[in-house]
């Protein structure tokens, strides 16, 4: 989706595209429960692509992705709206305050 990226860029964030962005992180509803090994491999692949992009923060609009990715990386994971709110005067996202 380009709209969240455009909003983040307009708010002043440096947005980086990741390789294979179209691939699932392995959460996909109950997929990570029903197929944990495949879900783990997908998560590792997604995180490797994020690391390769040099991300300081991971933003996503999906709570399942937030949980799945945050469980395997020290990079702060935040909801896209949290970053937008912060950029326009709201509170710093808790995940960034802990980082």
N, C-alpha and C. Protein backbone atom coordinates (compact mmCIF):
# COMPACT_ATOMS: atom_id res chain seq x y z
N UNK A 1 0.84 -1.19 0.00
CA UNK A 1 0.00 0.00 0.00
C UNK A 1 0.88 1.25 0.00
N UNK A 2 0.59 2.14 -0.86
CA UNK A 2 1.41 3.35 -0.91
C UNK A 2 0.87 4.45 0.00
N UNK A 3 -0.43 4.46 0.34
CA UNK A 3 -1.00 5.55 1.11
C UNK A 3 -0.35 5.72 2.49
N UNK A 4 -0.18 4.66 3.28
CA UNK A 4 0.47 4.85 4.58
C UNK A 4 1.90 5.39 4.43
N UNK A 5 2.61 4.90 3.43
CA UNK A 5 3.99 5.37 3.19
C UNK A 5 3.98 6.85 2.83
N UNK A 6 3.04 7.26 2.00
CA UNK A 6 2.95 8.67 1.61
C UNK A 6 2.64 9.56 2.81
N UNK A 7 1.74 9.12 3.66
CA UNK A 7 1.40 9.89 4.85
C UNK A 7 2.59 10.02 5.78
N UNK A 8 3.33 8.93 5.98
CA UNK A 8 4.51 8.98 6.84
C UNK A 8 5.58 9.90 6.25
N UNK A 9 5.78 9.83 4.95
CA UNK A 9 6.77 10.69 4.30
C UNK A 9 6.37 12.16 4.42
N UNK A 10 5.09 12.47 4.23
CA UNK A 10 4.62 13.86 4.36
C UNK A 10 4.77 14.38 5.79
N UNK A 11 4.74 13.45 6.76
CA UNK A 11 4.89 13.83 8.17
C UNK A 11 6.37 14.00 8.54
N UNK A 12 7.27 13.70 7.60
CA UNK A 12 8.68 13.92 7.85
C UNK A 12 9.51 12.68 8.12
N UNK A 13 8.91 11.52 8.06
CA UNK A 13 9.66 10.28 8.29
C UNK A 13 10.34 9.83 7.01
N UNK A 14 11.52 9.26 7.15
CA UNK A 14 12.23 8.66 6.01
C UNK A 14 11.70 7.24 5.86
N UNK A 15 10.93 7.02 4.83
CA UNK A 15 10.29 5.72 4.61
C UNK A 15 11.15 4.89 3.68
N UNK A 16 11.41 3.67 4.08
CA UNK A 16 12.22 2.76 3.26
C UNK A 16 11.37 1.58 2.82
N UNK A 17 11.51 1.24 1.56
CA UNK A 17 10.86 0.04 1.05
C UNK A 17 11.73 -1.16 1.41
N UNK A 18 11.07 -2.28 1.65
CA UNK A 18 11.82 -3.51 1.93
C UNK A 18 11.62 -4.50 0.79
N UNK A 19 12.61 -5.34 0.60
CA UNK A 19 12.49 -6.40 -0.41
C UNK A 19 11.36 -7.34 -0.01
N UNK A 20 10.68 -7.85 -0.99
CA UNK A 20 9.59 -8.82 -0.78
C UNK A 20 8.52 -8.31 0.19
N UNK A 21 8.25 -7.01 0.11
CA UNK A 21 7.27 -6.41 1.03
C UNK A 21 5.90 -7.08 0.93
N UNK A 22 5.62 -7.68 -0.20
CA UNK A 22 4.33 -8.32 -0.42
C UNK A 22 4.17 -9.62 0.37
N UNK A 23 5.27 -10.19 0.84
CA UNK A 23 5.18 -11.46 1.56
C UNK A 23 4.65 -11.27 2.98
N UNK A 24 3.87 -12.22 3.42
CA UNK A 24 3.29 -12.22 4.77
C UNK A 24 4.40 -12.36 5.82
N UNK A 25 4.14 -11.81 6.99
CA UNK A 25 5.09 -11.94 8.10
C UNK A 25 4.92 -13.25 8.84
N UNK A 26 3.86 -14.00 8.52
CA UNK A 26 3.61 -15.28 9.16
C UNK A 26 2.50 -15.25 10.18
N UNK A 27 1.92 -14.10 10.45
CA UNK A 27 0.84 -14.02 11.42
C UNK A 27 -0.47 -14.51 10.81
N UNK A 28 -0.98 -13.79 9.83
CA UNK A 28 -2.16 -14.17 9.05
C UNK A 28 -3.27 -14.87 9.86
N UNK A 29 -3.83 -14.15 10.81
CA UNK A 29 -4.92 -14.72 11.62
C UNK A 29 -4.42 -15.84 12.51
N UNK A 30 -4.92 -17.04 12.28
CA UNK A 30 -4.50 -18.19 13.09
C UNK A 30 -3.38 -18.98 12.42
N UNK A 31 -2.86 -18.48 11.32
CA UNK A 31 -1.83 -19.20 10.58
C UNK A 31 -0.63 -19.51 11.46
N UNK A 32 -0.22 -18.54 12.28
CA UNK A 32 0.94 -18.77 13.14
C UNK A 32 0.66 -19.81 14.22
N UNK A 33 -0.58 -20.11 14.48
CA UNK A 33 -0.94 -21.15 15.44
C UNK A 33 -1.08 -22.50 14.74
N UNK A 34 -1.68 -22.48 13.57
CA UNK A 34 -1.93 -23.73 12.83
C UNK A 34 -0.68 -24.24 12.10
N UNK A 35 0.18 -23.33 11.66
CA UNK A 35 1.39 -23.68 10.91
C UNK A 35 2.59 -22.95 11.52
N UNK A 36 2.95 -23.24 12.77
CA UNK A 36 3.97 -22.45 13.45
C UNK A 36 5.35 -22.47 12.79
N UNK A 37 5.75 -23.57 12.21
CA UNK A 37 7.07 -23.64 11.59
C UNK A 37 7.14 -22.77 10.34
N UNK A 38 6.12 -22.85 9.51
CA UNK A 38 6.09 -22.01 8.31
C UNK A 38 5.98 -20.54 8.72
N UNK A 39 5.15 -20.25 9.72
CA UNK A 39 5.00 -18.88 10.20
C UNK A 39 6.33 -18.34 10.73
N UNK A 40 7.09 -19.17 11.42
CA UNK A 40 8.39 -18.74 11.95
C UNK A 40 9.34 -18.41 10.81
N UNK A 41 9.36 -19.25 9.78
CA UNK A 41 10.24 -19.01 8.63
C UNK A 41 9.85 -17.72 7.89
N UNK A 42 8.55 -17.49 7.75
CA UNK A 42 8.09 -16.26 7.11
C UNK A 42 8.50 -15.04 7.93
N UNK A 43 8.35 -15.14 9.25
CA UNK A 43 8.73 -14.03 10.13
C UNK A 43 10.23 -13.75 10.00
N UNK A 44 11.05 -14.79 10.01
CA UNK A 44 12.50 -14.61 9.88
C UNK A 44 12.86 -13.96 8.55
N UNK A 45 12.17 -14.37 7.50
CA UNK A 45 12.43 -13.78 6.17
C UNK A 45 12.04 -12.31 6.15
N UNK A 46 10.89 -11.99 6.73
CA UNK A 46 10.43 -10.60 6.78
C UNK A 46 11.41 -9.75 7.59
N UNK A 47 11.83 -10.24 8.74
CA UNK A 47 12.75 -9.48 9.58
C UNK A 47 14.11 -9.30 8.90
N UNK A 48 14.59 -10.32 8.21
CA UNK A 48 15.85 -10.20 7.47
C UNK A 48 15.75 -9.09 6.42
N UNK A 49 14.62 -8.99 5.74
CA UNK A 49 14.42 -7.93 4.75
C UNK A 49 14.34 -6.56 5.41
N UNK A 50 13.73 -6.49 6.57
CA UNK A 50 13.65 -5.23 7.31
C UNK A 50 15.04 -4.80 7.75
N UNK A 51 15.82 -5.72 8.28
CA UNK A 51 17.18 -5.41 8.71
C UNK A 51 18.04 -4.96 7.53
N UNK A 52 17.87 -5.60 6.40
CA UNK A 52 18.65 -5.23 5.20
C UNK A 52 18.34 -3.81 4.75
N UNK A 53 17.14 -3.34 5.02
CA UNK A 53 16.75 -1.98 4.64
C UNK A 53 17.29 -0.94 5.62
N UNK A 54 17.81 -1.39 6.75
CA UNK A 54 18.38 -0.47 7.73
C UNK A 54 17.35 0.28 8.55
N UNK A 55 16.22 -0.34 8.82
CA UNK A 55 15.14 0.32 9.55
C UNK A 55 15.50 0.58 11.01
N UNK A 56 15.14 1.77 11.49
CA UNK A 56 15.28 2.12 12.91
C UNK A 56 13.98 1.83 13.66
N UNK A 57 12.87 1.89 12.92
CA UNK A 57 11.53 1.68 13.47
C UNK A 57 10.75 0.90 12.42
N UNK A 58 9.88 0.02 12.88
CA UNK A 58 9.01 -0.73 11.98
C UNK A 58 7.59 -0.22 12.19
N UNK A 59 6.97 0.23 11.12
CA UNK A 59 5.59 0.71 11.20
C UNK A 59 4.70 -0.21 10.39
N UNK A 60 3.57 -0.57 10.96
CA UNK A 60 2.58 -1.39 10.27
C UNK A 60 1.20 -1.01 10.78
N UNK A 61 0.20 -1.28 9.98
CA UNK A 61 -1.17 -0.99 10.36
C UNK A 61 -1.93 -2.24 10.80
N UNK A 62 -1.22 -3.35 10.96
CA UNK A 62 -1.86 -4.63 11.29
C UNK A 62 -1.36 -5.12 12.63
N UNK A 63 -2.28 -5.27 13.59
CA UNK A 63 -1.90 -5.69 14.95
C UNK A 63 -1.28 -7.09 14.96
N UNK A 64 -1.73 -7.97 14.07
CA UNK A 64 -1.14 -9.30 13.98
C UNK A 64 0.31 -9.23 13.55
N UNK A 65 0.60 -8.38 12.58
CA UNK A 65 1.98 -8.18 12.12
C UNK A 65 2.82 -7.55 13.23
N UNK A 66 2.25 -6.59 13.93
CA UNK A 66 2.98 -5.95 15.02
C UNK A 66 3.43 -6.98 16.05
N UNK A 67 2.52 -7.84 16.44
CA UNK A 67 2.82 -8.86 17.45
C UNK A 67 3.82 -9.88 16.92
N UNK A 68 3.61 -10.35 15.72
CA UNK A 68 4.47 -11.37 15.12
C UNK A 68 5.91 -10.86 14.97
N UNK A 69 6.06 -9.66 14.44
CA UNK A 69 7.39 -9.11 14.19
C UNK A 69 8.08 -8.69 15.49
N UNK A 70 7.34 -8.04 16.37
CA UNK A 70 7.94 -7.56 17.63
C UNK A 70 8.49 -8.70 18.48
N UNK A 71 7.93 -9.89 18.32
CA UNK A 71 8.38 -11.03 19.11
C UNK A 71 9.73 -11.57 18.70
N UNK A 72 10.32 -11.02 17.63
CA UNK A 72 11.57 -11.57 17.12
C UNK A 72 12.61 -10.52 16.74
N UNK A 73 12.41 -9.28 17.16
CA UNK A 73 13.39 -8.24 16.85
C UNK A 73 13.42 -7.19 17.96
N UNK A 74 14.55 -6.56 18.12
CA UNK A 74 14.68 -5.48 19.10
C UNK A 74 14.30 -4.13 18.50
N UNK A 75 14.09 -4.08 17.19
CA UNK A 75 13.67 -2.83 16.55
C UNK A 75 12.25 -2.51 17.02
N UNK A 76 12.00 -1.28 17.46
CA UNK A 76 10.65 -0.93 17.90
C UNK A 76 9.62 -1.12 16.77
N UNK A 77 8.49 -1.68 17.13
CA UNK A 77 7.39 -1.89 16.19
C UNK A 77 6.21 -1.04 16.66
N UNK A 78 5.72 -0.19 15.78
CA UNK A 78 4.62 0.72 16.14
C UNK A 78 3.55 0.70 15.06
N UNK A 79 2.37 1.09 15.44
CA UNK A 79 1.28 1.24 14.47
C UNK A 79 1.53 2.53 13.70
N UNK A 80 1.24 2.51 12.43
CA UNK A 80 1.42 3.67 11.57
C UNK A 80 0.76 4.91 12.16
N UNK A 81 -0.43 4.76 12.71
CA UNK A 81 -1.17 5.89 13.26
C UNK A 81 -0.46 6.48 14.48
N UNK A 82 0.23 5.64 15.25
CA UNK A 82 1.00 6.16 16.39
C UNK A 82 2.09 7.12 15.92
N UNK A 83 2.78 6.75 14.84
CA UNK A 83 3.82 7.64 14.30
C UNK A 83 3.22 8.94 13.77
N UNK A 84 2.11 8.83 13.07
CA UNK A 84 1.46 10.03 12.54
C UNK A 84 0.98 10.94 13.67
N UNK A 85 0.40 10.36 14.69
CA UNK A 85 -0.06 11.14 15.84
C UNK A 85 1.11 11.86 16.49
N UNK A 86 2.22 11.16 16.69
CA UNK A 86 3.41 11.75 17.30
C UNK A 86 3.95 12.89 16.45
N UNK A 87 3.98 12.70 15.13
CA UNK A 87 4.50 13.72 14.22
C UNK A 87 3.69 15.01 14.30
N UNK A 88 2.42 14.90 14.63
CA UNK A 88 1.55 16.07 14.66
C UNK A 88 1.21 16.52 16.08
N UNK A 89 2.08 16.18 17.03
CA UNK A 89 1.95 16.72 18.38
C UNK A 89 1.47 15.77 19.45
N UNK A 90 1.16 14.54 19.10
CA UNK A 90 0.72 13.57 20.08
C UNK A 90 1.90 13.00 20.87
N UNK A 91 1.61 12.07 21.76
CA UNK A 91 2.67 11.49 22.59
C UNK A 91 3.59 10.57 21.79
N UNK A 92 4.82 10.47 22.27
CA UNK A 92 5.76 9.53 21.65
C UNK A 92 5.23 8.11 21.85
N UNK A 93 5.25 7.28 20.81
CA UNK A 93 4.81 5.89 20.96
C UNK A 93 5.60 5.17 22.05
N UNK A 94 4.92 4.39 22.85
CA UNK A 94 5.56 3.68 23.96
C UNK A 94 6.72 2.82 23.50
N UNK A 95 6.60 2.17 22.34
CA UNK A 95 7.68 1.31 21.85
C UNK A 95 8.94 2.12 21.58
N UNK A 96 8.80 3.38 21.18
CA UNK A 96 9.97 4.23 20.93
C UNK A 96 10.56 4.73 22.24
N UNK A 97 9.71 4.98 23.21
CA UNK A 97 10.20 5.45 24.51
C UNK A 97 11.04 4.36 25.20
N UNK A 98 10.68 3.08 24.96
CA UNK A 98 11.42 1.97 25.56
C UNK A 98 12.72 1.70 24.83
N UNK A 99 12.82 2.14 23.58
CA UNK A 99 14.00 1.82 22.77
C UNK A 99 15.22 2.64 23.16
